[in-house]
Amino acid sequence: MAPPPSPRTRLSELDALRGIGALCVLIFHYSTRFHELFPQAKHVPFSFPGGNYRVLLFFCISGFAIFFTLDRIRTVPDFVVNRVARLYPAYLVAMLLTLSIEYLAQATQLLVGPLAIAANFTMLQGFAFLPEVDGAYWTLTVEIAFYFCMILIWKWFGIGRLEPVLAAWLVLRWLFHVWPDMPERMVMLFVLRYTPFFVIGMLAYRIWAGQRTWRQQTLYAALALLSVATMETWDVTVVAAILMVAFAAMIVGRLRFVALRPLVWIGGISYSFYLIHQHVGFVVMLRMADAGYSPWIGFATAFLVALFLGTAINRLVERPAGEAILGWWRGRTRAALPDAAPSRT
C-alpha cells in the first residue's frame, strides 16, 4: 500500500540544495577553473576540485522537480511553453550581458565566434557542437535533452508506469557502455552520461508524492547505483550514493537543517545566478588583479557582482517575463476553446 501523500506542497530543502549547488559551482569556477584559464593571473591559494559533482546534484534536483511542471500541464505545447518561459528570458539577458562585459573588457580568451554566438541564441548550440558563450551553459544542453526524454515518457508511456521505463532507460545507458561508438547526438539526446542522476530525483519524488513505496523503489534505486558503479569512477559512485541518501533524507524530513534562509534565498535565484556568474566573474577577477588588488578581494568582488546581477535578472527578467509568457499562453489557450453551448430558456 502506498504511503499517504506528503502534506507539504513545497520543499524548502530543495531550494536550499539548489543554493548549495550554485555556491559550490561558483567556488569551483573561481578557485580552480579561473587558474586553469588564466595561470598568469594571481588567484586564491586553494582549489575546489570536482566541479561536476555539484552539477550532478542539479540533475537530481531536475529529476525531482520536473513533476511540478508535469502536474500542471495537459499538452506537449503546454510543456514547451512552460519550459521556454522558465529558461529562455533569463538566459537571453544573461548571455547578452556576458557578451557585452567580455567585449567591453576585451577579454578575448573568453569570446566565441559569430556563428557560435548566433547558435547560442537558440539554446541548442550544444547539439551543433558549437561552443557556449559561457562555459557554464553546457548543462542547458543536458536539461533540454532531459525535457525531450520526459515528453517521450509522459506521452508514450504515462507517468503511472514510470519505473519500468526508467529501468529500460538505464539499460540503454549500458548499451552505450558496450557500444562506445554510439552516435554522439544520440548519447546527448537521451542524456546517457547522466541518466542515473535524473533517475535518483524521479524515484525520490514518487515516494514523496505518495505514488510509490520505499520497497517498490528499492530495485530501481539499486539499478541506478549499479549503472553508475559499472560505468563511472569510484568517486562518482560515492557521490551518487551520497545524493541518493540525501534525497531519501529530504523526503522524510531529515534534511530540514539545511533549509537556512540564505541558502533558500540563493536557491530561489540560482538559475539566474548560475547563468551570469562564470565569465563575468572571471572578468571581474582579471580586472581586480590588473589593478593590484589581493586575489581574495577579487574573489569576493566577483561573488558580490554575480550575486547582484543574478538577483537583478531573477527579479527583473526571469520571474516577470516567465509569468507574462505563461499568462499569454493561458489566455491564448482559453480563447482557442470552443464556446460553451448556449443554455435553453
C-alpha atoms as a PDB file:
ATOM      1  CA  MET A   1       0.000   0.000   0.000  1.00  0.00           C
ATOM      2  CA  ALA A   2       1.370   3.420  -0.950  1.00  0.00           C
ATOM      3  CA  PRO A   3       2.056   5.942   1.818  1.00  0.00           C
ATOM      4  CA  PRO A   4      -0.281   8.929   2.108  1.00  0.00           C
ATOM      5  CA  PRO A   5       0.549  11.977   0.010  1.00  0.00           C
ATOM      6  CA  SER A   6       3.007  14.401   1.514  1.00  0.00           C
ATOM      7  CA  PRO A   7       1.307  17.208   3.453  1.00  0.00           C
ATOM      8  CA  ARG A   8       3.826  19.698   2.133  1.00  0.00           C
ATOM      9  CA  THR A   9       3.445  21.110  -1.363  1.00  0.00           C
ATOM     10  CA  ARG A  10       6.905  22.692  -1.475  1.00  0.00           C
ATOM     11  CA  LEU A  11      10.242  21.613  -0.080  1.00  0.00           C
ATOM     12  CA  SER A  12      12.420  24.424   1.242  1.00  0.00           C
ATOM     13  CA  GLU A  13      15.204  21.859   1.402  1.00  0.00           C
ATOM     14  CA  LEU A  14      15.096  21.556  -2.387  1.00  0.00           C
ATOM     15  CA  ASP A  15      15.722  25.289  -2.763  1.00  0.00           C
ATOM     16  CA  ALA A  16      18.488  25.057  -0.176  1.00  0.00           C
ATOM     17  CA  LEU A  17      20.129  22.248  -2.166  1.00  0.00           C
ATOM     18  CA  ARG A  18      19.928  24.447  -5.269  1.00  0.00           C
ATOM     19  CA  GLY A  19      21.636  27.200  -3.306  1.00  0.00           C
ATOM     20  CA  ILE A  20      24.360  24.867  -2.064  1.00  0.00           C
ATOM     21  CA  GLY A  21      24.934  23.579  -5.581  1.00  0.00           C
ATOM     22  CA  ALA A  22      25.131  27.084  -7.054  1.00  0.00           C
ATOM     23  CA  LEU A  23      27.625  28.230  -4.408  1.00  0.00           C
ATOM     24  CA  CYS A  24      29.786  25.140  -4.865  1.00  0.00           C
ATOM     25  CA  VAL A  25      29.880  25.576  -8.644  1.00  0.00           C
ATOM     26  CA  LEU A  26      30.854  29.231  -8.225  1.00  0.00           C
ATOM     27  CA  ILE A  27      33.645  28.372  -5.780  1.00  0.00           C
ATOM     28  CA  PHE A  28      34.922  25.683  -8.151  1.00  0.00           C
ATOM     29  CA  HIS A  29      34.969  28.072 -11.118  1.00  0.00           C
ATOM     30  CA  TYR A  30      36.559  30.954  -9.219  1.00  0.00           C
ATOM     31  CA  SER A  31      39.160  28.885  -7.358  1.00  0.00           C
ATOM     32  CA  THR A  32      40.045  26.212  -9.900  1.00  0.00           C
ATOM     33  CA  ARG A  33      38.745  26.967 -13.382  1.00  0.00           C
ATOM     34  CA  PHE A  34      39.947  30.584 -13.283  1.00  0.00           C
ATOM     35  CA  HIS A  35      43.502  29.489 -12.575  1.00  0.00           C
ATOM     36  CA  GLU A  36      43.355  26.893 -15.368  1.00  0.00           C
ATOM     37  CA  LEU A  37      42.298  29.513 -17.923  1.00  0.00           C
ATOM     38  CA  PHE A  38      44.452  32.376 -16.635  1.00  0.00           C
ATOM     39  CA  PRO A  39      47.553  30.879 -14.983  1.00  0.00           C
ATOM     40  CA  GLN A  40      49.345  34.209 -15.269  1.00  0.00           C
ATOM     41  CA  ALA A  41      46.828  35.988 -13.008  1.00  0.00           C
ATOM     42  CA  LYS A  42      47.045  35.909  -9.234  1.00  0.00           C
ATOM     43  CA  HIS A  43      44.448  33.622  -7.729  1.00  0.00           C
ATOM     44  CA  VAL A  44      43.208  32.480  -4.349  1.00  0.00           C
ATOM     45  CA  PRO A  45      45.556  29.924  -2.750  1.00  0.00           C
ATOM     46  CA  PHE A  46      43.145  26.994  -2.754  1.00  0.00           C
ATOM     47  CA  SER A  47      41.456  24.729  -5.247  1.00  0.00           C
ATOM     48  CA  PHE A  48      37.934  23.340  -5.088  1.00  0.00           C
ATOM     49  CA  PRO A  49      38.127  20.335  -7.448  1.00  0.00           C
ATOM     50  CA  GLY A  50      35.385  18.178  -8.825  1.00  0.00           C
ATOM     51  CA  GLY A  51      33.022  20.783 -10.224  1.00  0.00           C
ATOM     52  CA  ASN A  52      30.952  18.132 -11.969  1.00  0.00           C
ATOM     53  CA  TYR A  53      29.929  16.688  -8.602  1.00  0.00           C
ATOM     54  CA  ARG A  54      27.873  19.800  -7.909  1.00  0.00           C
ATOM     55  CA  VAL A  55      26.306  19.619 -11.380  1.00  0.00           C
ATOM     56  CA  LEU A  56      25.178  16.070 -10.644  1.00  0.00           C
ATOM     57  CA  LEU A  57      23.230  17.498  -7.711  1.00  0.00           C
ATOM     58  CA  PHE A  58      21.427  19.830 -10.124  1.00  0.00           C
ATOM     59  CA  PHE A  59      20.466  16.882 -12.326  1.00  0.00           C
ATOM     60  CA  CYS A  60      18.981  15.049  -9.341  1.00  0.00           C
ATOM     61  CA  ILE A  61      17.018  18.176  -8.450  1.00  0.00           C
ATOM     62  CA  SER A  62      15.763  18.441 -12.041  1.00  0.00           C
ATOM     63  CA  GLY A  63      14.566  14.838 -11.920  1.00  0.00           C
ATOM     64  CA  PHE A  64      12.625  15.587  -8.740  1.00  0.00           C
ATOM     65  CA  ALA A  65      11.266  18.984  -9.794  1.00  0.00           C
ATOM     66  CA  ILE A  66      10.121  18.060 -13.326  1.00  0.00           C
ATOM     67  CA  PHE A  67       6.911  16.634 -11.856  1.00  0.00           C
ATOM     68  CA  PHE A  68       5.922  20.041 -10.521  1.00  0.00           C
ATOM     69  CA  THR A  69       5.660  21.029 -14.189  1.00  0.00           C
ATOM     70  CA  LEU A  70       4.060  17.811 -15.450  1.00  0.00           C
ATOM     71  CA  ASP A  71       1.356  18.031 -12.783  1.00  0.00           C
ATOM     72  CA  ARG A  72       0.229  21.441 -14.103  1.00  0.00           C
ATOM     73  CA  ILE A  73       0.058  20.849 -17.858  1.00  0.00           C
ATOM     74  CA  ARG A  74      -2.107  18.944 -20.327  1.00  0.00           C
ATOM     75  CA  THR A  75      -0.345  19.005 -23.700  1.00  0.00           C
ATOM     76  CA  VAL A  76       3.128  18.973 -25.228  1.00  0.00           C
ATOM     77  CA  PRO A  77       2.796  22.647 -26.298  1.00  0.00           C
ATOM     78  CA  ASP A  78       1.935  23.462 -22.665  1.00  0.00           C
ATOM     79  CA  PHE A  79       5.157  21.761 -21.590  1.00  0.00           C
ATOM     80  CA  VAL A  80       7.290  23.506 -24.228  1.00  0.00           C
ATOM     81  CA  VAL A  81       5.906  26.953 -23.431  1.00  0.00           C
ATOM     82  CA  ASN A  82       6.345  26.334 -19.706  1.00  0.00           C
ATOM     83  CA  ARG A  83       9.994  25.402 -20.154  1.00  0.00           C
ATOM     84  CA  VAL A  84      10.671  28.299 -22.540  1.00  0.00           C
ATOM     85  CA  ALA A  85       9.101  30.699 -20.058  1.00  0.00           C
ATOM     86  CA  ARG A  86      11.214  29.248 -17.277  1.00  0.00           C
ATOM     87  CA  LEU A  87      14.559  29.153 -19.078  1.00  0.00           C
ATOM     88  CA  TYR A  88      14.796  31.473 -22.051  1.00  0.00           C
ATOM     89  CA  PRO A  89      14.228  35.092 -20.864  1.00  0.00           C
ATOM     90  CA  ALA A  90      16.868  34.915 -18.117  1.00  0.00           C
ATOM     91  CA  TYR A  91      19.211  33.004 -20.420  1.00  0.00           C
ATOM     92  CA  LEU A  92      18.906  35.592 -23.199  1.00  0.00           C
ATOM     93  CA  VAL A  93      19.593  38.537 -20.889  1.00  0.00           C
ATOM     94  CA  ALA A  94      22.465  36.772 -19.102  1.00  0.00           C
ATOM     95  CA  MET A  95      24.046  35.805 -22.420  1.00  0.00           C
ATOM     96  CA  LEU A  96      23.804  39.349 -23.848  1.00  0.00           C
ATOM     97  CA  LEU A  97      25.134  40.837 -20.622  1.00  0.00           C
ATOM     98  CA  THR A  98      28.021  38.358 -20.559  1.00  0.00           C
ATOM     99  CA  LEU A  99      28.922  39.145 -24.172  1.00  0.00           C
ATOM    100  CA  SER A 100      28.764  42.893 -23.516  1.00  0.00           C
ATOM    101  CA  ILE A 101      31.042  42.684 -20.491  1.00  0.00           C
ATOM    102  CA  GLU A 102      33.511  40.447 -22.340  1.00  0.00           C
ATOM    103  CA  TYR A 103      33.695  42.856 -25.289  1.00  0.00           C
ATOM    104  CA  LEU A 104      33.977  45.960 -23.106  1.00  0.00           C
ATOM    105  CA  ALA A 105      36.733  44.321 -21.066  1.00  0.00           C
ATOM    106  CA  GLN A 106      38.413  42.973 -24.224  1.00  0.00           C
ATOM    107  CA  ALA A 107      38.509  39.528 -22.643  1.00  0.00           C
ATOM    108  CA  THR A 108      39.373  37.872 -25.955  1.00  0.00           C
ATOM    109  CA  GLN A 109      40.170  34.498 -24.375  1.00  0.00           C
ATOM    110  CA  LEU A 110      36.549  34.176 -23.299  1.00  0.00           C
ATOM    111  CA  LEU A 111      34.917  35.261 -26.566  1.00  0.00           C
ATOM    112  CA  VAL A 112      33.433  32.885 -29.144  1.00  0.00           C
ATOM    113  CA  GLY A 113      32.919  33.411 -32.881  1.00  0.00           C
ATOM    114  CA  PRO A 114      29.861  34.925 -34.632  1.00  0.00           C
ATOM    115  CA  LEU A 115      28.471  31.538 -35.707  1.00  0.00           C
ATOM    116  CA  ALA A 116      28.639  30.231 -32.152  1.00  0.00           C
ATOM    117  CA  ILE A 117      27.005  33.400 -30.842  1.00  0.00           C
ATOM    118  CA  ALA A 118      24.166  33.036 -33.351  1.00  0.00           C
ATOM    119  CA  ALA A 119      23.692  29.400 -32.328  1.00  0.00           C
ATOM    120  CA  ASN A 120      23.640  30.388 -28.661  1.00  0.00           C
ATOM    121  CA  PHE A 121      20.502  32.447 -29.280  1.00  0.00           C
ATOM    122  CA  THR A 122      18.674  29.152 -29.883  1.00  0.00           C
ATOM    123  CA  MET A 123      19.998  27.457 -26.711  1.00  0.00           C
ATOM    124  CA  LEU A 124      20.736  24.456 -28.966  1.00  0.00           C
ATOM    125  CA  GLN A 125      24.412  25.169 -29.644  1.00  0.00           C
ATOM    126  CA  GLY A 126      25.492  22.025 -27.815  1.00  0.00           C
ATOM    127  CA  PHE A 127      23.654  19.797 -30.274  1.00  0.00           C
ATOM    128  CA  ALA A 128      25.521  21.538 -33.112  1.00  0.00           C
ATOM    129  CA  PHE A 129      28.847  21.007 -31.274  1.00  0.00           C
ATOM    130  CA  LEU A 130      29.447  24.748 -31.096  1.00  0.00           C
ATOM    131  CA  PRO A 131      30.956  26.463 -28.035  1.00  0.00           C
ATOM    132  CA  GLU A 132      28.820  28.239 -25.467  1.00  0.00           C
ATOM    133  CA  VAL A 133      29.036  31.981 -24.839  1.00  0.00           C
ATOM    134  CA  ASP A 134      29.687  30.996 -21.224  1.00  0.00           C
ATOM    135  CA  GLY A 135      31.101  27.580 -20.444  1.00  0.00           C
ATOM    136  CA  ALA A 136      28.518  27.040 -17.707  1.00  0.00           C
ATOM    137  CA  TYR A 137      25.792  26.827 -20.348  1.00  0.00           C
ATOM    138  CA  TRP A 138      26.754  23.267 -21.299  1.00  0.00           C
ATOM    139  CA  THR A 139      24.344  21.985 -18.655  1.00  0.00           C
ATOM    140  CA  LEU A 140      21.439  23.609 -20.516  1.00  0.00           C
ATOM    141  CA  THR A 141      22.003  21.176 -23.380  1.00  0.00           C
ATOM    142  CA  VAL A 142      21.640  18.333 -20.890  1.00  0.00           C
ATOM    143  CA  GLU A 143      18.486  19.884 -19.404  1.00  0.00           C
ATOM    144  CA  ILE A 144      16.865  20.360 -22.816  1.00  0.00           C
ATOM    145  CA  ALA A 145      17.631  16.738 -23.729  1.00  0.00           C
ATOM    146  CA  PHE A 146      16.123  15.641 -20.412  1.00  0.00           C
ATOM    147  CA  TYR A 147      12.944  17.559 -21.230  1.00  0.00           C
ATOM    148  CA  PHE A 148      12.797  15.784 -24.587  1.00  0.00           C
ATOM    149  CA  CYS A 149      13.070  12.430 -22.829  1.00  0.00           C
ATOM    150  CA  MET A 150      10.372  13.364 -20.327  1.00  0.00           C
ATOM    151  CA  ILE A 151       7.985  14.344 -23.121  1.00  0.00           C
ATOM    152  CA  LEU A 152       8.508  10.916 -24.691  1.00  0.00           C
ATOM    153  CA  ILE A 153       7.918   9.130 -21.390  1.00  0.00           C
ATOM    154  CA  TRP A 154       4.928  11.280 -20.449  1.00  0.00           C
ATOM    155  CA  LYS A 155       3.112  10.975 -23.782  1.00  0.00           C
ATOM    156  CA  TRP A 156       4.084   7.438 -24.864  1.00  0.00           C
ATOM    157  CA  PHE A 157       4.090   5.511 -21.605  1.00  0.00           C
ATOM    158  CA  GLY A 158       2.497   7.681 -18.942  1.00  0.00           C
ATOM    159  CA  ILE A 159       3.873   8.556 -15.544  1.00  0.00           C
ATOM    160  CA  GLY A 160       1.908   5.738 -13.886  1.00  0.00           C
ATOM    161  CA  ARG A 161       4.295   3.209 -15.478  1.00  0.00           C
ATOM    162  CA  LEU A 162       7.377   5.335 -14.959  1.00  0.00           C
ATOM    163  CA  GLU A 163       9.693   2.934 -13.138  1.00  0.00           C
ATOM    164  CA  PRO A 164       9.900   0.168 -15.793  1.00  0.00           C
ATOM    165  CA  VAL A 165      10.635   2.890 -18.347  1.00  0.00           C
ATOM    166  CA  LEU A 166      13.430   4.215 -16.127  1.00  0.00           C
ATOM    167  CA  ALA A 167      14.859   0.683 -15.953  1.00  0.00           C
ATOM    168  CA  ALA A 168      14.804   0.488 -19.763  1.00  0.00           C
ATOM    169  CA  TRP A 169      16.496   3.900 -19.889  1.00  0.00           C
ATOM    170  CA  LEU A 170      19.292   2.591 -17.666  1.00  0.00           C
ATOM    171  CA  VAL A 171      19.623  -0.494 -19.906  1.00  0.00           C
ATOM    172  CA  LEU A 172      20.028   1.851 -22.889  1.00  0.00           C
ATOM    173  CA  ARG A 173      22.817   3.537 -20.929  1.00  0.00           C
ATOM    174  CA  TRP A 174      24.560   0.169 -20.552  1.00  0.00           C
ATOM    175  CA  LEU A 175      24.250  -0.258 -24.305  1.00  0.00           C
ATOM    176  CA  PHE A 176      26.238   2.956 -24.626  1.00  0.00           C
ATOM    177  CA  HIS A 177      28.835   1.407 -22.315  1.00  0.00           C
ATOM    178  CA  VAL A 178      29.302  -1.626 -24.583  1.00  0.00           C
ATOM    179  CA  TRP A 179      28.915   0.425 -27.761  1.00  0.00           C
ATOM    180  CA  PRO A 180      31.275   3.365 -27.241  1.00  0.00           C
ATOM    181  CA  ASP A 181      30.857   4.426 -30.870  1.00  0.00           C
ATOM    182  CA  MET A 182      27.157   5.124 -30.387  1.00  0.00           C
ATOM    183  CA  PRO A 183      26.371   8.367 -32.298  1.00  0.00           C
ATOM    184  CA  GLU A 184      27.159  11.305 -30.046  1.00  0.00           C
ATOM    185  CA  ARG A 185      23.896  13.103 -30.724  1.00  0.00           C
ATOM    186  CA  MET A 186      22.004  10.006 -29.621  1.00  0.00           C
ATOM    187  CA  VAL A 187      24.055   9.937 -26.422  1.00  0.00           C
ATOM    188  CA  MET A 188      23.289  13.614 -25.863  1.00  0.00           C
ATOM    189  CA  LEU A 189      19.597  13.427 -26.731  1.00  0.00           C
ATOM    190  CA  PHE A 190      18.986  10.567 -24.288  1.00  0.00           C
ATOM    191  CA  VAL A 191      21.317  12.102 -21.643  1.00  0.00           C
ATOM    192  CA  LEU A 192      23.061   8.745 -21.321  1.00  0.00           C
ATOM    193  CA  ARG A 193      26.025  10.192 -19.440  1.00  0.00           C
ATOM    194  CA  TYR A 194      23.793  11.459 -16.631  1.00  0.00           C
ATOM    195  CA  THR A 195      20.664   9.267 -16.672  1.00  0.00           C
ATOM    196  CA  PRO A 196      21.108   7.744 -13.166  1.00  0.00           C
ATOM    197  CA  PHE A 197      21.154  11.160 -11.510  1.00  0.00           C
ATOM    198  CA  PHE A 198      17.871  12.234 -13.059  1.00  0.00           C
ATOM    199  CA  VAL A 199      16.502   8.813 -12.077  1.00  0.00           C
ATOM    200  CA  ILE A 200      17.504   9.345  -8.433  1.00  0.00           C
ATOM    201  CA  GLY A 201      15.458  12.530  -8.305  1.00  0.00           C
ATOM    202  CA  MET A 202      12.451  10.959 -10.022  1.00  0.00           C
ATOM    203  CA  LEU A 203      12.394   7.918  -7.745  1.00  0.00           C
ATOM    204  CA  ALA A 204      12.538  10.190  -4.693  1.00  0.00           C
ATOM    205  CA  TYR A 205       9.689  12.363  -5.943  1.00  0.00           C
ATOM    206  CA  ARG A 206       7.415   9.369  -6.477  1.00  0.00           C
ATOM    207  CA  ILE A 207       7.894   8.326  -2.842  1.00  0.00           C
ATOM    208  CA  TRP A 208       7.463  11.879  -1.546  1.00  0.00           C
ATOM    209  CA  ALA A 209       4.249  12.325  -3.542  1.00  0.00           C
ATOM    210  CA  GLY A 210       2.811   9.099  -2.146  1.00  0.00           C
ATOM    211  CA  GLN A 211       2.754   7.380  -5.536  1.00  0.00           C
ATOM    212  CA  ARG A 212       5.220   4.596  -4.672  1.00  0.00           C
ATOM    213  CA  THR A 213       6.566   2.920  -1.545  1.00  0.00           C
ATOM    214  CA  TRP A 214      10.178   2.612  -0.463  1.00  0.00           C
ATOM    215  CA  ARG A 215      10.071  -1.122  -1.129  1.00  0.00           C
ATOM    216  CA  GLN A 216       8.760  -0.597  -4.657  1.00  0.00           C
ATOM    217  CA  GLN A 217      11.584   1.822  -5.455  1.00  0.00           C
ATOM    218  CA  THR A 218      14.430  -0.225  -3.987  1.00  0.00           C
ATOM    219  CA  LEU A 219      15.138  -2.267  -7.135  1.00  0.00           C
ATOM    220  CA  TYR A 220      15.196   0.794  -9.385  1.00  0.00           C
ATOM    221  CA  ALA A 221      17.423   2.725  -6.974  1.00  0.00           C
ATOM    222  CA  ALA A 222      19.833  -0.228  -6.977  1.00  0.00           C
ATOM    223  CA  LEU A 223      19.815  -0.271 -10.789  1.00  0.00           C
ATOM    224  CA  ALA A 224      20.660   3.442 -10.850  1.00  0.00           C
ATOM    225  CA  LEU A 225      23.593   2.968  -8.468  1.00  0.00           C
ATOM    226  CA  LEU A 226      24.757  -0.110 -10.379  1.00  0.00           C
ATOM    227  CA  SER A 227      24.680   1.896 -13.594  1.00  0.00           C
ATOM    228  CA  VAL A 228      26.985   4.490 -12.048  1.00  0.00           C
ATOM    229  CA  ALA A 229      29.263   1.893 -10.427  1.00  0.00           C
ATOM    230  CA  THR A 230      29.761  -0.049 -13.666  1.00  0.00           C
ATOM    231  CA  MET A 231      30.365   2.960 -15.910  1.00  0.00           C
ATOM    232  CA  GLU A 232      31.936   5.676 -13.763  1.00  0.00           C
ATOM    233  CA  THR A 233      34.903   6.028 -11.417  1.00  0.00           C
ATOM    234  CA  TRP A 234      34.629   5.129  -7.751  1.00  0.00           C
ATOM    235  CA  ASP A 235      34.367   8.751  -6.626  1.00  0.00           C
ATOM    236  CA  VAL A 236      31.345   9.421  -8.861  1.00  0.00           C
ATOM    237  CA  THR A 237      29.770   6.258  -7.454  1.00  0.00           C
ATOM    238  CA  VAL A 238      30.290   7.597  -3.938  1.00  0.00           C
ATOM    239  CA  VAL A 239      28.707  10.903  -4.971  1.00  0.00           C
ATOM    240  CA  ALA A 240      25.694   9.050  -6.432  1.00  0.00           C
ATOM    241  CA  ALA A 241      25.258   7.132  -3.179  1.00  0.00           C
ATOM    242  CA  ILE A 242      25.507  10.336  -1.131  1.00  0.00           C
ATOM    243  CA  LEU A 243      22.942  12.054  -3.346  1.00  0.00           C
ATOM    244  CA  MET A 244      20.578   9.099  -3.005  1.00  0.00           C
ATOM    245  CA  VAL A 245      20.882   9.196   0.775  1.00  0.00           C
ATOM    246  CA  ALA A 246      20.426  12.977   0.792  1.00  0.00           C
ATOM    247  CA  PHE A 247      17.223  12.792  -1.252  1.00  0.00           C
ATOM    248  CA  ALA A 248      15.919   9.955   0.904  1.00  0.00           C
ATOM    249  CA  ALA A 249      16.589  12.083   3.987  1.00  0.00           C
ATOM    250  CA  MET A 250      14.917  15.089   2.378  1.00  0.00           C
ATOM    251  CA  ILE A 251      11.638  13.349   1.592  1.00  0.00           C
ATOM    252  CA  VAL A 252      11.277  12.079   5.169  1.00  0.00           C
ATOM    253  CA  GLY A 253      12.036  15.499   6.655  1.00  0.00           C
ATOM    254  CA  ARG A 254      15.548  14.732   7.914  1.00  0.00           C
ATOM    255  CA  LEU A 255      17.228  17.404   5.796  1.00  0.00           C
ATOM    256  CA  ARG A 256      15.397  20.431   7.137  1.00  0.00           C
ATOM    257  CA  PHE A 257      18.536  21.629   8.884  1.00  0.00           C
ATOM    258  CA  VAL A 258      19.941  22.747   5.509  1.00  0.00           C
ATOM    259  CA  ALA A 259      16.940  24.997   4.829  1.00  0.00           C
ATOM    260  CA  LEU A 260      18.694  28.087   6.144  1.00  0.00           C
ATOM    261  CA  ARG A 261      17.214  31.337   4.911  1.00  0.00           C
ATOM    262  CA  PRO A 262      20.332  32.482   2.967  1.00  0.00           C
ATOM    263  CA  LEU A 263      20.608  29.118   1.184  1.00  0.00           C
ATOM    264  CA  VAL A 264      16.895  29.030   0.375  1.00  0.00           C
ATOM    265  CA  TRP A 265      17.140  32.593  -0.951  1.00  0.00           C
ATOM    266  CA  ILE A 266      20.125  31.782  -3.161  1.00  0.00           C
ATOM    267  CA  GLY A 267      18.276  28.673  -4.323  1.00  0.00           C
ATOM    268  CA  GLY A 268      15.424  30.913  -5.410  1.00  0.00           C
ATOM    269  CA  ILE A 269      17.707  32.937  -7.692  1.00  0.00           C
ATOM    270  CA  SER A 270      20.049  30.039  -8.505  1.00  0.00           C
ATOM    271  CA  TYR A 271      19.209  29.787 -12.206  1.00  0.00           C
ATOM    272  CA  SER A 272      19.961  33.432 -12.997  1.00  0.00           C
ATOM    273  CA  PHE A 273      22.909  33.364 -10.599  1.00  0.00           C
ATOM    274  CA  TYR A 274      24.314  30.296 -12.352  1.00  0.00           C
ATOM    275  CA  LEU A 275      23.886  31.836 -15.808  1.00  0.00           C
ATOM    276  CA  ILE A 276      25.770  35.028 -15.021  1.00  0.00           C
ATOM    277  CA  HIS A 277      28.455  34.010 -12.543  1.00  0.00           C
ATOM    278  CA  GLN A 278      31.286  32.409 -14.510  1.00  0.00           C
ATOM    279  CA  HIS A 279      32.671  34.588 -17.302  1.00  0.00           C
ATOM    280  CA  VAL A 280      31.509  37.827 -15.704  1.00  0.00           C
ATOM    281  CA  GLY A 281      33.237  36.744 -12.508  1.00  0.00           C
ATOM    282  CA  PHE A 282      36.409  35.911 -14.437  1.00  0.00           C
ATOM    283  CA  VAL A 283      36.437  39.392 -15.988  1.00  0.00           C
ATOM    284  CA  VAL A 284      35.986  40.989 -12.563  1.00  0.00           C
ATOM    285  CA  MET A 285      38.842  38.950 -11.065  1.00  0.00           C
ATOM    286  CA  LEU A 286      41.116  39.739 -14.017  1.00  0.00           C
ATOM    287  CA  ARG A 287      40.492  43.465 -13.724  1.00  0.00           C
ATOM    288  CA  MET A 288      40.937  43.404  -9.954  1.00  0.00           C
ATOM    289  CA  ALA A 289      44.238  41.560 -10.385  1.00  0.00           C
ATOM    290  CA  ASP A 290      45.379  44.078 -13.015  1.00  0.00           C
ATOM    291  CA  ALA A 291      44.589  46.871 -10.552  1.00  0.00           C
ATOM    292  CA  GLY A 292      46.813  45.238  -7.944  1.00  0.00           C
ATOM    293  CA  TYR A 293      44.145  44.031  -5.543  1.00  0.00           C
ATOM    294  CA  SER A 294      44.503  40.857  -3.494  1.00  0.00           C
ATOM    295  CA  PRO A 295      43.058  37.696  -5.114  1.00  0.00           C
ATOM    296  CA  TRP A 296      40.786  37.391  -2.082  1.00  0.00           C
ATOM    297  CA  ILE A 297      39.315  40.816  -2.780  1.00  0.00           C
ATOM    298  CA  GLY A 298      38.907  39.889  -6.437  1.00  0.00           C
ATOM    299  CA  PHE A 299      37.184  36.649  -5.469  1.00  0.00           C
ATOM    300  CA  ALA A 300      34.808  38.406  -3.073  1.00  0.00           C
ATOM    301  CA  THR A 301      34.072  41.200  -5.544  1.00  0.00           C
ATOM    302  CA  ALA A 302      33.302  38.718  -8.316  1.00  0.00           C
ATOM    303  CA  PHE A 303      30.974  36.844  -5.992  1.00  0.00           C
ATOM    304  CA  LEU A 304      29.119  40.031  -4.997  1.00  0.00           C
ATOM    305  CA  VAL A 305      28.817  41.129  -8.630  1.00  0.00           C
ATOM    306  CA  ALA A 306      27.434  37.718  -9.617  1.00  0.00           C
ATOM    307  CA  LEU A 307      25.026  37.808  -6.681  1.00  0.00           C
ATOM    308  CA  PHE A 308      23.821  41.313  -7.590  1.00  0.00           C
ATOM    309  CA  LEU A 309      23.406  40.544 -11.286  1.00  0.00           C
ATOM    310  CA  GLY A 310      21.799  37.169 -10.602  1.00  0.00           C
ATOM    311  CA  THR A 311      19.302  38.786  -8.244  1.00  0.00           C
ATOM    312  CA  ALA A 312      18.555  41.570 -10.731  1.00  0.00           C
ATOM    313  CA  ILE A 313      17.992  39.143 -13.603  1.00  0.00           C
ATOM    314  CA  ASN A 314      15.791  36.955 -11.415  1.00  0.00           C
ATOM    315  CA  ARG A 315      13.657  39.863 -10.170  1.00  0.00           C
ATOM    316  CA  LEU A 316      13.510  41.958 -13.336  1.00  0.00           C
ATOM    317  CA  VAL A 317      13.547  39.320 -16.070  1.00  0.00           C
ATOM    318  CA  GLU A 318      13.215  35.670 -15.027  1.00  0.00           C
ATOM    319  CA  ARG A 319      10.097  35.997 -12.878  1.00  0.00           C
ATOM    320  CA  PRO A 320       8.110  38.734 -14.663  1.00  0.00           C
ATOM    321  CA  ALA A 321       8.926  37.534 -18.178  1.00  0.00           C
ATOM    322  CA  GLY A 322       8.126  33.944 -17.277  1.00  0.00           C
ATOM    323  CA  GLU A 323       4.815  34.952 -15.731  1.00  0.00           C
ATOM    324  CA  ALA A 324       3.969  37.125 -18.747  1.00  0.00           C
ATOM    325  CA  ILE A 325       4.665  34.303 -21.213  1.00  0.00           C
ATOM    326  CA  LEU A 326       2.607  31.822 -19.198  1.00  0.00           C
ATOM    327  CA  GLY A 327      -0.209  34.348 -18.816  1.00  0.00           C
ATOM    328  CA  TRP A 328      -0.213  34.960 -22.562  1.00  0.00           C
ATOM    329  CA  TRP A 329      -0.291  31.228 -23.235  1.00  0.00           C
ATOM    330  CA  ARG A 330      -3.140  30.586 -20.800  1.00  0.00           C
ATOM    331  CA  GLY A 331      -5.154  33.379 -22.415  1.00  0.00           C
ATOM    332  CA  ARG A 332      -4.444  32.029 -25.872  1.00  0.00           C
ATOM    333  CA  THR A 333      -5.415  28.516 -24.811  1.00  0.00           C
ATOM    334  CA  ARG A 334      -8.682  29.682 -23.260  1.00  0.00           C
ATOM    335  CA  ALA A 335      -9.513  31.704 -26.367  1.00  0.00           C
ATOM    336  CA  ALA A 336      -8.993  28.619 -28.526  1.00  0.00           C
ATOM    337  CA  LEU A 337     -11.503  26.539 -26.555  1.00  0.00           C
ATOM    338  CA  PRO A 338     -14.954  26.222 -28.153  1.00  0.00           C
ATOM    339  CA  ASP A 339     -17.625  28.369 -26.570  1.00  0.00           C
ATOM    340  CA  ALA A 340     -19.971  26.601 -24.251  1.00  0.00           C
ATOM    341  CA  ALA A 341     -23.289  25.676 -25.808  1.00  0.00           C
ATOM    342  CA  PRO A 342     -25.956  28.328 -25.140  1.00  0.00           C
ATOM    343  CA  SER A 343     -28.460  27.410 -22.465  1.00  0.00           C
ATOM    344  CA  ARG A 344     -32.083  26.786 -23.424  1.00  0.00           C
ATOM    345  CA  THR A 345     -34.664  29.045 -21.817  1.00  0.00           C
END
